[in-house]
PDB file of all heavy atoms in Angstrom:
ATOM      1  N   GLU A   1      -3.873   7.180   6.330  1.00  0.00           N
ATOM      2  CA  GLU A   1      -4.629   7.612   5.159  1.00  0.00           C
ATOM      3  C   GLU A   1      -4.241   6.762   3.954  1.00  0.00           C
ATOM      4  O   GLU A   1      -3.129   6.276   3.839  1.00  0.00           O
ATOM      5  CB  GLU A   1      -4.333   9.088   4.862  1.00  0.00           C
ATOM      6  CG  GLU A   1      -4.811  10.040   5.945  1.00  0.00           C
ATOM      7  CD  GLU A   1      -4.433  11.476   5.658  1.00  0.00           C
ATOM      8  OE1 GLU A   1      -3.225  11.748   5.515  1.00  0.00           O
ATOM      9  OE2 GLU A   1      -5.356  12.313   5.548  1.00  0.00           O
ATOM     10  N   LEU A   2      -5.187   6.640   3.034  1.00  0.00           N
ATOM     11  CA  LEU A   2      -4.950   5.954   1.781  1.00  0.00           C
ATOM     12  C   LEU A   2      -4.647   6.993   0.712  1.00  0.00           C
ATOM     13  O   LEU A   2      -5.372   7.973   0.546  1.00  0.00           O
ATOM     14  CB  LEU A   2      -6.196   5.153   1.374  1.00  0.00           C
ATOM     15  CG  LEU A   2      -6.196   4.574  -0.056  1.00  0.00           C
ATOM     16  CD1 LEU A   2      -5.110   3.535  -0.197  1.00  0.00           C
ATOM     17  CD2 LEU A   2      -7.579   4.003  -0.372  1.00  0.00           C
ATOM     18  N   ARG A   3      -3.558   6.773  -0.042  1.00  0.00           N
ATOM     19  CA  ARG A   3      -3.241   7.657  -1.147  1.00  0.00           C
ATOM     20  C   ARG A   3      -3.281   6.832  -2.444  1.00  0.00           C
ATOM     21  O   ARG A   3      -2.676   5.758  -2.509  1.00  0.00           O
ATOM     22  CB  ARG A   3      -1.853   8.307  -1.002  1.00  0.00           C
ATOM     23  CG  ARG A   3      -1.434   9.117  -2.228  1.00  0.00           C
ATOM     24  CD  ARG A   3      -0.169   9.934  -1.985  1.00  0.00           C
ATOM     25  NE  ARG A   3      -0.391  10.966  -0.981  1.00  0.00           N
ATOM     26  CZ  ARG A   3       0.513  11.890  -0.676  1.00  0.00           C
ATOM     27  NH1 ARG A   3       1.699  11.887  -1.281  1.00  0.00           N
ATOM     28  NH2 ARG A   3       0.254  12.796   0.247  1.00  0.00           N
ATOM     29  N   VAL A   4      -4.026   7.335  -3.417  1.00  0.00           N
ATOM     30  CA  VAL A   4      -4.160   6.638  -4.704  1.00  0.00           C
ATOM     31  C   VAL A   4      -3.608   7.538  -5.797  1.00  0.00           C
ATOM     32  O   VAL A   4      -4.003   8.713  -5.907  1.00  0.00           O
ATOM     33  CB  VAL A   4      -5.628   6.289  -4.992  1.00  0.00           C
ATOM     34  CG1 VAL A   4      -5.758   5.602  -6.351  1.00  0.00           C
ATOM     35  CG2 VAL A   4      -6.203   5.413  -3.888  1.00  0.00           C
ATOM     36  N   GLU A   5      -2.712   7.018  -6.588  1.00  0.00           N
ATOM     37  CA  GLU A   5      -2.113   7.735  -7.703  1.00  0.00           C
ATOM     38  C   GLU A   5      -2.344   6.950  -8.993  1.00  0.00           C
ATOM     39  O   GLU A   5      -2.434   5.719  -8.981  1.00  0.00           O
ATOM     40  CB  GLU A   5      -0.629   7.979  -7.458  1.00  0.00           C
ATOM     41  CG  GLU A   5      -0.351   8.826  -6.243  1.00  0.00           C
ATOM     42  CD  GLU A   5       1.130   8.935  -5.950  1.00  0.00           C
ATOM     43  OE1 GLU A   5       1.859   7.941  -6.108  1.00  0.00           O
ATOM     44  OE2 GLU A   5       1.575  10.038  -5.566  1.00  0.00           O
ATOM     45  N   GLY A   6      -2.402   7.651 -10.098  1.00  0.00           N
ATOM     46  CA  GLY A   6      -2.642   7.000 -11.387  1.00  0.00           C
ATOM     47  C   GLY A   6      -4.125   6.756 -11.582  1.00  0.00           C
ATOM     48  O   GLY A   6      -4.981   7.320 -10.903  1.00  0.00           O
ATOM     49  N   GLY A   7      -4.454   5.884 -12.486  1.00  0.00           N
ATOM     50  CA  GLY A   7      -5.872   5.596 -12.735  1.00  0.00           C
ATOM     51  C   GLY A   7      -6.171   5.354 -14.189  1.00  0.00           C
ATOM     52  O   GLY A   7      -5.954   4.265 -14.714  1.00  0.00           O
ATOM     53  N   ILE A   8      -6.598   6.421 -14.888  1.00  0.00           N
ATOM     54  CA  ILE A   8      -7.046   6.265 -16.271  1.00  0.00           C
ATOM     55  C   ILE A   8      -5.890   6.036 -17.218  1.00  0.00           C
ATOM     56  O   ILE A   8      -5.884   5.085 -17.994  1.00  0.00           O
ATOM     57  CB  ILE A   8      -7.852   7.504 -16.693  1.00  0.00           C
ATOM     58  CG1 ILE A   8      -9.101   7.638 -15.795  1.00  0.00           C
ATOM     59  CG2 ILE A   8      -8.277   7.383 -18.155  1.00  0.00           C
ATOM     60  CD1 ILE A   8      -9.919   8.889 -16.080  1.00  0.00           C
ATOM     61  N   LEU A   9      -4.905   6.925 -17.186  1.00  0.00           N
ATOM     62  CA  LEU A   9      -3.783   6.827 -18.137  1.00  0.00           C
ATOM     63  C   LEU A   9      -2.584   6.098 -17.555  1.00  0.00           C
ATOM     64  O   LEU A   9      -1.701   5.651 -18.291  1.00  0.00           O
ATOM     65  CB  LEU A   9      -3.372   8.232 -18.584  1.00  0.00           C
ATOM     66  CG  LEU A   9      -4.476   9.046 -19.305  1.00  0.00           C
ATOM     67  CD1 LEU A   9      -3.961  10.418 -19.663  1.00  0.00           C
ATOM     68  CD2 LEU A   9      -4.961   8.299 -20.551  1.00  0.00           C
ATOM     69  N   ARG A  10      -2.536   5.984 -16.247  1.00  0.00           N
ATOM     70  CA  ARG A  10      -1.412   5.317 -15.601  1.00  0.00           C
ATOM     71  C   ARG A  10      -1.959   4.210 -14.683  1.00  0.00           C
ATOM     72  O   ARG A  10      -3.097   4.265 -14.236  1.00  0.00           O
ATOM     73  CB  ARG A  10      -0.595   6.311 -14.773  1.00  0.00           C
ATOM     74  CG  ARG A  10       0.153   7.348 -15.584  1.00  0.00           C
ATOM     75  CD  ARG A  10       0.980   8.204 -14.650  1.00  0.00           C
ATOM     76  NE  ARG A  10       0.132   8.947 -13.715  1.00  0.00           N
ATOM     77  CZ  ARG A  10       0.522   9.390 -12.517  1.00  0.00           C
ATOM     78  NH1 ARG A  10       1.759   9.134 -12.109  1.00  0.00           N
ATOM     79  NH2 ARG A  10      -0.310  10.069 -11.753  1.00  0.00           N
ATOM     80  N   PRO A  11      -1.145   3.210 -14.372  1.00  0.00           N
ATOM     81  CA  PRO A  11      -1.599   2.166 -13.464  1.00  0.00           C
ATOM     82  C   PRO A  11      -1.976   2.762 -12.104  1.00  0.00           C
ATOM     83  O   PRO A  11      -1.308   3.671 -11.613  1.00  0.00           O
ATOM     84  CB  PRO A  11      -0.389   1.240 -13.359  1.00  0.00           C
ATOM     85  CG  PRO A  11       0.408   1.504 -14.580  1.00  0.00           C
ATOM     86  CD  PRO A  11       0.198   2.947 -14.914  1.00  0.00           C
ATOM     87  N   ARG A  12      -3.010   2.227 -11.497  1.00  0.00           N
ATOM     88  CA  ARG A  12      -3.433   2.676 -10.182  1.00  0.00           C
ATOM     89  C   ARG A  12      -2.444   2.154  -9.128  1.00  0.00           C
ATOM     90  O   ARG A  12      -2.137   0.966  -9.100  1.00  0.00           O
ATOM     91  CB  ARG A  12      -4.838   2.142  -9.869  1.00  0.00           C
ATOM     92  CG  ARG A  12      -5.351   2.462  -8.464  1.00  0.00           C
ATOM     93  CD  ARG A  12      -6.655   1.744  -8.214  1.00  0.00           C
ATOM     94  NE  ARG A  12      -7.078   1.825  -6.825  1.00  0.00           N
ATOM     95  CZ  ARG A  12      -7.903   2.745  -6.352  1.00  0.00           C
ATOM     96  NH1 ARG A  12      -8.425   3.638  -7.180  1.00  0.00           N
ATOM     97  NH2 ARG A  12      -8.246   2.756  -5.075  1.00  0.00           N
ATOM     98  N   VAL A  13      -1.954   3.051  -8.316  1.00  0.00           N
ATOM     99  CA  VAL A  13      -1.007   2.694  -7.276  1.00  0.00           C
ATOM    100  C   VAL A  13      -1.553   3.177  -5.926  1.00  0.00           C
ATOM    101  O   VAL A  13      -1.836   4.362  -5.760  1.00  0.00           O
ATOM    102  CB  VAL A  13       0.380   3.332  -7.537  1.00  0.00           C
ATOM    103  CG1 VAL A  13       1.334   2.985  -6.384  1.00  0.00           C
ATOM    104  CG2 VAL A  13       0.949   2.858  -8.853  1.00  0.00           C
ATOM    105  N   GLU A  14      -1.698   2.240  -4.982  1.00  0.00           N
ATOM    106  CA  GLU A  14      -2.192   2.569  -3.659  1.00  0.00           C
ATOM    107  C   GLU A  14      -1.021   2.558  -2.679  1.00  0.00           C
ATOM    108  O   GLU A  14      -0.149   1.703  -2.731  1.00  0.00           O
ATOM    109  CB  GLU A  14      -3.240   1.564  -3.196  1.00  0.00           C
ATOM    110  CG  GLU A  14      -4.484   1.524  -4.051  1.00  0.00           C
ATOM    111  CD  GLU A  14      -5.492   0.509  -3.547  1.00  0.00           C
ATOM    112  OE1 GLU A  14      -5.109  -0.347  -2.724  1.00  0.00           O
ATOM    113  OE2 GLU A  14      -6.651   0.547  -3.998  1.00  0.00           O
ATOM    114  N   SER A  15      -1.024   3.529  -1.763  1.00  0.00           N
ATOM    115  CA  SER A  15       0.012   3.578  -0.734  1.00  0.00           C
ATOM    116  C   SER A  15      -0.601   3.987   0.593  1.00  0.00           C
ATOM    117  O   SER A  15      -1.692   4.592   0.634  1.00  0.00           O
ATOM    118  CB  SER A  15       1.120   4.564  -1.115  1.00  0.00           C
ATOM    119  OG  SER A  15       0.611   5.870  -1.254  1.00  0.00           O
ATOM    120  N   LEU A  16       0.070   3.643   1.664  1.00  0.00           N
ATOM    121  CA  LEU A  16      -0.375   3.980   3.019  1.00  0.00           C
ATOM    122  C   LEU A  16       0.460   5.131   3.556  1.00  0.00           C
ATOM    123  O   LEU A  16       1.683   5.075   3.524  1.00  0.00           O
ATOM    124  CB  LEU A  16      -0.244   2.743   3.936  1.00  0.00           C
ATOM    125  CG  LEU A  16      -0.458   2.998   5.429  1.00  0.00           C
ATOM    126  CD1 LEU A  16      -1.904   3.390   5.715  1.00  0.00           C
ATOM    127  CD2 LEU A  16      -0.063   1.751   6.231  1.00  0.00           C
ATOM    128  N   ARG A  17      -0.239   6.140   4.032  1.00  0.00           N
ATOM    129  CA  ARG A  17       0.424   7.293   4.686  1.00  0.00           C
ATOM    130  C   ARG A  17      -0.013   7.321   6.146  1.00  0.00           C
ATOM    131  O   ARG A  17      -1.184   7.151   6.458  1.00  0.00           O
ATOM    132  CB  ARG A  17       0.044   8.611   4.009  1.00  0.00           C
ATOM    133  CG  ARG A  17       0.329   8.629   2.502  1.00  0.00           C
ATOM    134  CD  ARG A  17       1.783   8.860   2.229  1.00  0.00           C
ATOM    135  NE  ARG A  17       2.130   8.619   0.831  1.00  0.00           N
ATOM    136  CZ  ARG A  17       3.170   9.147   0.218  1.00  0.00           C
ATOM    137  NH1 ARG A  17       3.968   9.952   0.867  1.00  0.00           N
ATOM    138  NH2 ARG A  17       3.419   8.845  -1.050  1.00  0.00           N
ATOM    139  N   VAL A  18       0.946   7.567   7.032  1.00  0.00           N
ATOM    140  CA  VAL A  18       0.660   7.700   8.460  1.00  0.00           C
ATOM    141  C   VAL A  18       1.313   8.988   8.936  1.00  0.00           C
ATOM    142  O   VAL A  18       2.541   9.115   8.884  1.00  0.00           O
ATOM    143  CB  VAL A  18       1.178   6.500   9.287  1.00  0.00           C
ATOM    144  CG1 VAL A  18       0.782   6.677  10.749  1.00  0.00           C
ATOM    145  CG2 VAL A  18       0.615   5.190   8.739  1.00  0.00           C
ATOM    146  N   GLY A  19       0.485   9.927   9.327  1.00  0.00           N
ATOM    147  CA  GLY A  19       1.038  11.224   9.710  1.00  0.00           C
ATOM    148  C   GLY A  19       1.723  11.911   8.575  1.00  0.00           C
ATOM    149  O   GLY A  19       2.679  12.668   8.786  1.00  0.00           O
ATOM    150  N   GLY A  20       1.292  11.654   7.316  1.00  0.00           N
ATOM    151  CA  GLY A  20       1.877  12.278   6.151  1.00  0.00           C
ATOM    152  C   GLY A  20       3.070  11.548   5.567  1.00  0.00           C
ATOM    153  O   GLY A  20       3.537  11.899   4.478  1.00  0.00           O
ATOM    154  N   ARG A  21       3.588  10.517   6.262  1.00  0.00           N
ATOM    155  CA  ARG A  21       4.759   9.805   5.786  1.00  0.00           C
ATOM    156  C   ARG A  21       4.365   8.479   5.138  1.00  0.00           C
ATOM    157  O   ARG A  21       3.418   7.821   5.566  1.00  0.00           O
ATOM    158  CB  ARG A  21       5.729   9.530   6.952  1.00  0.00           C
ATOM    159  CG  ARG A  21       6.254  10.790   7.619  1.00  0.00           C
ATOM    160  CD  ARG A  21       7.260  10.476   8.691  1.00  0.00           C
ATOM    161  NE  ARG A  21       8.431   9.766   8.157  1.00  0.00           N
ATOM    162  CZ  ARG A  21       9.431   9.326   8.908  1.00  0.00           C
ATOM    163  NH1 ARG A  21       9.395   9.513  10.251  1.00  0.00           N
ATOM    164  NH2 ARG A  21      10.456   8.716   8.350  1.00  0.00           N
ATOM    165  N   ASP A  22       5.092   8.114   4.113  1.00  0.00           N
ATOM    166  CA  ASP A  22       4.811   6.856   3.420  1.00  0.00           C
ATOM    167  C   ASP A  22       5.217   5.676   4.303  1.00  0.00           C
ATOM    168  O   ASP A  22       6.362   5.505   4.677  1.00  0.00           O
ATOM    169  CB  ASP A  22       5.615   6.823   2.102  1.00  0.00           C
ATOM    170  CG  ASP A  22       5.218   5.641   1.231  1.00  0.00           C
ATOM    171  OD1 ASP A  22       4.484   4.743   1.701  1.00  0.00           O
ATOM    172  OD2 ASP A  22       5.647   5.604   0.062  1.00  0.00           O
ATOM    173  N   GLN A  23       4.200   4.858   4.642  1.00  0.00           N
ATOM    174  CA  GLN A  23       4.430   3.679   5.463  1.00  0.00           C
ATOM    175  C   GLN A  23       3.895   2.421   4.777  1.00  0.00           C
ATOM    176  O   GLN A  23       3.429   1.490   5.421  1.00  0.00           O
ATOM    177  CB  GLN A  23       3.739   3.846   6.842  1.00  0.00           C
ATOM    178  CG  GLN A  23       4.319   4.944   7.681  1.00  0.00           C
ATOM    179  CD  GLN A  23       5.708   4.634   8.204  1.00  0.00           C
ATOM    180  OE1 GLN A  23       6.203   3.525   8.084  1.00  0.00           O
ATOM    181  NE2 GLN A  23       6.376   5.629   8.779  1.00  0.00           N
ATOM    182  N   THR A  24       3.996   2.402   3.439  1.00  0.00           N
ATOM    183  CA  THR A  24       3.498   1.258   2.673  1.00  0.00           C
ATOM    184  C   THR A  24       4.226  -0.023   3.010  1.00  0.00           C
ATOM    185  O   THR A  24       3.716  -1.118   2.790  1.00  0.00           O
ATOM    186  CB  THR A  24       3.595   1.568   1.164  1.00  0.00           C
ATOM    187  OG1 THR A  24       3.010   2.831   0.875  1.00  0.00           O
ATOM    188  CG2 THR A  24       2.851   0.530   0.339  1.00  0.00           C
ATOM    189  N   LYS A  25       5.423   0.100   3.565  1.00  0.00           N
ATOM    190  CA  LYS A  25       6.174  -1.091   3.958  1.00  0.00           C
ATOM    191  C   LYS A  25       5.395  -1.912   4.993  1.00  0.00           C
ATOM    192  O   LYS A  25       5.578  -3.149   5.071  1.00  0.00           O
ATOM    193  CB  LYS A  25       7.541  -0.686   4.525  1.00  0.00           C
ATOM    194  CG  LYS A  25       7.450   0.168   5.788  1.00  0.00           C
ATOM    195  CD  LYS A  25       8.834   0.576   6.274  1.00  0.00           C
ATOM    196  CE  LYS A  25       8.710   1.428   7.547  1.00  0.00           C
ATOM    197  NZ  LYS A  25      10.059   1.858   8.038  1.00  0.00           N
ATOM    198  N   LEU A  26       4.545  -1.257   5.783  1.00  0.00           N
ATOM    199  CA  LEU A  26       3.734  -1.989   6.749  1.00  0.00           C
ATOM    200  C   LEU A  26       2.741  -2.903   6.050  1.00  0.00           C
ATOM    201  O   LEU A  26       2.462  -4.017   6.500  1.00  0.00           O
ATOM    202  CB  LEU A  26       2.967  -1.002   7.653  1.00  0.00           C
ATOM    203  CG  LEU A  26       3.829  -0.012   8.450  1.00  0.00           C
ATOM    204  CD1 LEU A  26       2.937   0.900   9.283  1.00  0.00           C
ATOM    205  CD2 LEU A  26       4.817  -0.740   9.343  1.00  0.00           C
ATOM    206  N   VAL A  27       2.194  -2.430   4.911  1.00  0.00           N
ATOM    207  CA  VAL A  27       1.275  -3.226   4.121  1.00  0.00           C
ATOM    208  C   VAL A  27       2.006  -4.443   3.554  1.00  0.00           C
ATOM    209  O   VAL A  27       1.497  -5.576   3.559  1.00  0.00           O
ATOM    210  CB  VAL A  27       0.650  -2.385   2.985  1.00  0.00           C
ATOM    211  CG1 VAL A  27      -0.278  -3.234   2.125  1.00  0.00           C
ATOM    212  CG2 VAL A  27      -0.091  -1.190   3.570  1.00  0.00           C
ATOM    213  N   ASP A  28       3.226  -4.214   3.045  1.00  0.00           N
ATOM    214  CA  ASP A  28       4.019  -5.319   2.507  1.00  0.00           C
ATOM    215  C   ASP A  28       4.241  -6.400   3.559  1.00  0.00           C
ATOM    216  O   ASP A  28       4.166  -7.608   3.259  1.00  0.00           O
ATOM    217  CB  ASP A  28       5.366  -4.805   2.015  1.00  0.00           C
ATOM    218  CG  ASP A  28       5.233  -3.783   0.880  1.00  0.00           C
ATOM    219  OD1 ASP A  28       4.229  -3.840   0.170  1.00  0.00           O
ATOM    220  OD2 ASP A  28       6.152  -2.947   0.724  1.00  0.00           O
ATOM    221  N   GLY A  29       4.491  -5.970   4.787  1.00  0.00           N
ATOM    222  CA  GLY A  29       4.726  -6.926   5.854  1.00  0.00           C
ATOM    223  C   GLY A  29       3.517  -7.794   6.146  1.00  0.00           C
ATOM    224  O   GLY A  29       3.638  -9.017   6.315  1.00  0.00           O
ATOM    225  N   VAL A  30       2.334  -7.190   6.197  1.00  0.00           N
ATOM    226  CA  VAL A  30       1.131  -7.978   6.465  1.00  0.00           C
ATOM    227  C   VAL A  30       0.813  -8.897   5.297  1.00  0.00           C
ATOM    228  O   VAL A  30       0.379 -10.035   5.507  1.00  0.00           O
ATOM    229  CB  VAL A  30      -0.075  -7.031   6.747  1.00  0.00           C
ATOM    230  CG1 VAL A  30      -1.333  -7.840   7.021  1.00  0.00           C
ATOM    231  CG2 VAL A  30       0.227  -6.158   7.972  1.00  0.00           C
ATOM    232  N   GLN A  31       1.011  -8.436   4.067  1.00  0.00           N
ATOM    233  CA  GLN A  31       0.781  -9.285   2.914  1.00  0.00           C
ATOM    234  C   GLN A  31       1.643 -10.542   2.999  1.00  0.00           C
ATOM    235  O   GLN A  31       1.194 -11.641   2.682  1.00  0.00           O
ATOM    236  CB  GLN A  31       1.054  -8.533   1.622  1.00  0.00           C
ATOM    237  CG  GLN A  31      -0.008  -7.504   1.272  1.00  0.00           C
ATOM    238  CD  GLN A  31       0.312  -6.742  -0.009  1.00  0.00           C
ATOM    239  OE1 GLN A  31       1.475  -6.488  -0.312  1.00  0.00           O
ATOM    240  NE2 GLN A  31      -0.706  -6.418  -0.773  1.00  0.00           N
ATOM    241  N   SER A  32       2.896 -10.383   3.403  1.00  0.00           N
ATOM    242  CA  SER A  32       3.792 -11.532   3.542  1.00  0.00           C
ATOM    243  C   SER A  32       3.302 -12.480   4.616  1.00  0.00           C
ATOM    244  O   SER A  32       3.327 -13.726   4.437  1.00  0.00           O
ATOM    245  CB  SER A  32       5.212 -11.039   3.876  1.00  0.00           C
ATOM    246  OG  SER A  32       6.093 -12.115   4.109  1.00  0.00           O
ATOM    247  N   GLN A  33       2.798 -11.945   5.722  1.00  0.00           N
ATOM    248  CA  GLN A  33       2.262 -12.779   6.798  1.00  0.00           C
ATOM    249  C   GLN A  33       1.024 -13.552   6.328  1.00  0.00           C
ATOM    250  O   GLN A  33       0.871 -14.715   6.657  1.00  0.00           O
ATOM    251  CB  GLN A  33       1.930 -11.903   8.014  1.00  0.00           C
ATOM    252  CG  GLN A  33       3.138 -11.274   8.662  1.00  0.00           C
ATOM    253  CD  GLN A  33       2.770 -10.316   9.771  1.00  0.00           C
ATOM    254  OE1 GLN A  33       1.587 -10.247  10.190  1.00  0.00           O
ATOM    255  NE2 GLN A  33       3.741  -9.565  10.253  1.00  0.00           N
ATOM    256  N   VAL A  34       0.156 -12.874   5.574  1.00  0.00           N
ATOM    257  CA  VAL A  34      -1.048 -13.532   5.059  1.00  0.00           C
ATOM    258  C   VAL A  34      -0.682 -14.713   4.170  1.00  0.00           C
ATOM    259  O   VAL A  34      -1.278 -15.800   4.260  1.00  0.00           O
ATOM    260  CB  VAL A  34      -1.931 -12.524   4.306  1.00  0.00           C
ATOM    261  CG1 VAL A  34      -3.039 -13.236   3.545  1.00  0.00           C
ATOM    262  CG2 VAL A  34      -2.531 -11.503   5.260  1.00  0.00           C
ATOM    263  N   GLU A  35       0.304 -14.524   3.332  1.00  0.00           N
ATOM    264  CA  GLU A  35       0.732 -15.610   2.446  1.00  0.00           C
ATOM    265  C   GLU A  35       1.245 -16.812   3.239  1.00  0.00           C
ATOM    266  O   GLU A  35       0.937 -17.953   2.908  1.00  0.00           O
ATOM    267  CB  GLU A  35       1.829 -15.100   1.516  1.00  0.00           C
ATOM    268  CG  GLU A  35       1.341 -14.077   0.472  1.00  0.00           C
ATOM    269  CD  GLU A  35       2.481 -13.516  -0.365  1.00  0.00           C
ATOM    270  OE1 GLU A  35       3.649 -13.949  -0.126  1.00  0.00           O
ATOM    271  OE2 GLU A  35       2.227 -12.687  -1.237  1.00  0.00           O
ATOM    272  N   LYS A  36       2.002 -16.537   4.290  1.00  0.00           N
ATOM    273  CA  LYS A  36       2.550 -17.638   5.087  1.00  0.00           C
ATOM    274  C   LYS A  36       1.454 -18.350   5.867  1.00  0.00           C
ATOM    275  O   LYS A  36       1.468 -19.591   5.973  1.00  0.00           O
ATOM    276  CB  LYS A  36       3.617 -17.086   6.034  1.00  0.00           C
ATOM    277  CG  LYS A  36       4.914 -16.678   5.322  1.00  0.00           C
ATOM    278  CD  LYS A  36       5.912 -16.135   6.300  1.00  0.00           C
ATOM    279  CE  LYS A  36       7.277 -15.879   5.603  1.00  0.00           C
ATOM    280  NZ  LYS A  36       7.187 -14.957   4.472  1.00  0.00           N
ATOM    281  N   VAL A  37       0.498 -17.601   6.396  1.00  0.00           N
ATOM    282  CA  VAL A  37      -0.601 -18.230   7.142  1.00  0.00           C
ATOM    283  C   VAL A  37      -1.489 -19.040   6.201  1.00  0.00           C
ATOM    284  O   VAL A  37      -1.888 -20.159   6.514  1.00  0.00           O
ATOM    285  CB  VAL A  37      -1.430 -17.163   7.887  1.00  0.00           C
ATOM    286  CG1 VAL A  37      -2.710 -17.763   8.453  1.00  0.00           C
ATOM    287  CG2 VAL A  37      -0.595 -16.541   9.001  1.00  0.00           C
ATOM    288  N   ALA A  38      -1.780 -18.488   5.017  1.00  0.00           N
ATOM    289  CA  ALA A  38      -2.580 -19.220   4.048  1.00  0.00           C
ATOM    290  C   ALA A  38      -1.887 -20.521   3.627  1.00  0.00           C
ATOM    291  O   ALA A  38      -2.520 -21.558   3.456  1.00  0.00           O
ATOM    292  CB  ALA A  38      -2.862 -18.356   2.825  1.00  0.00           C
TER     293      ALA A  38
END
């Protein structure tokens, strides 16, 4: 699931939840791989 916090008064922050647990570290890992491949 995608969780979005903040917005109008605070910076928008997106995070990844899997089974209710924060797994945003998985997103960080893929972003690093994309940078290396690019």
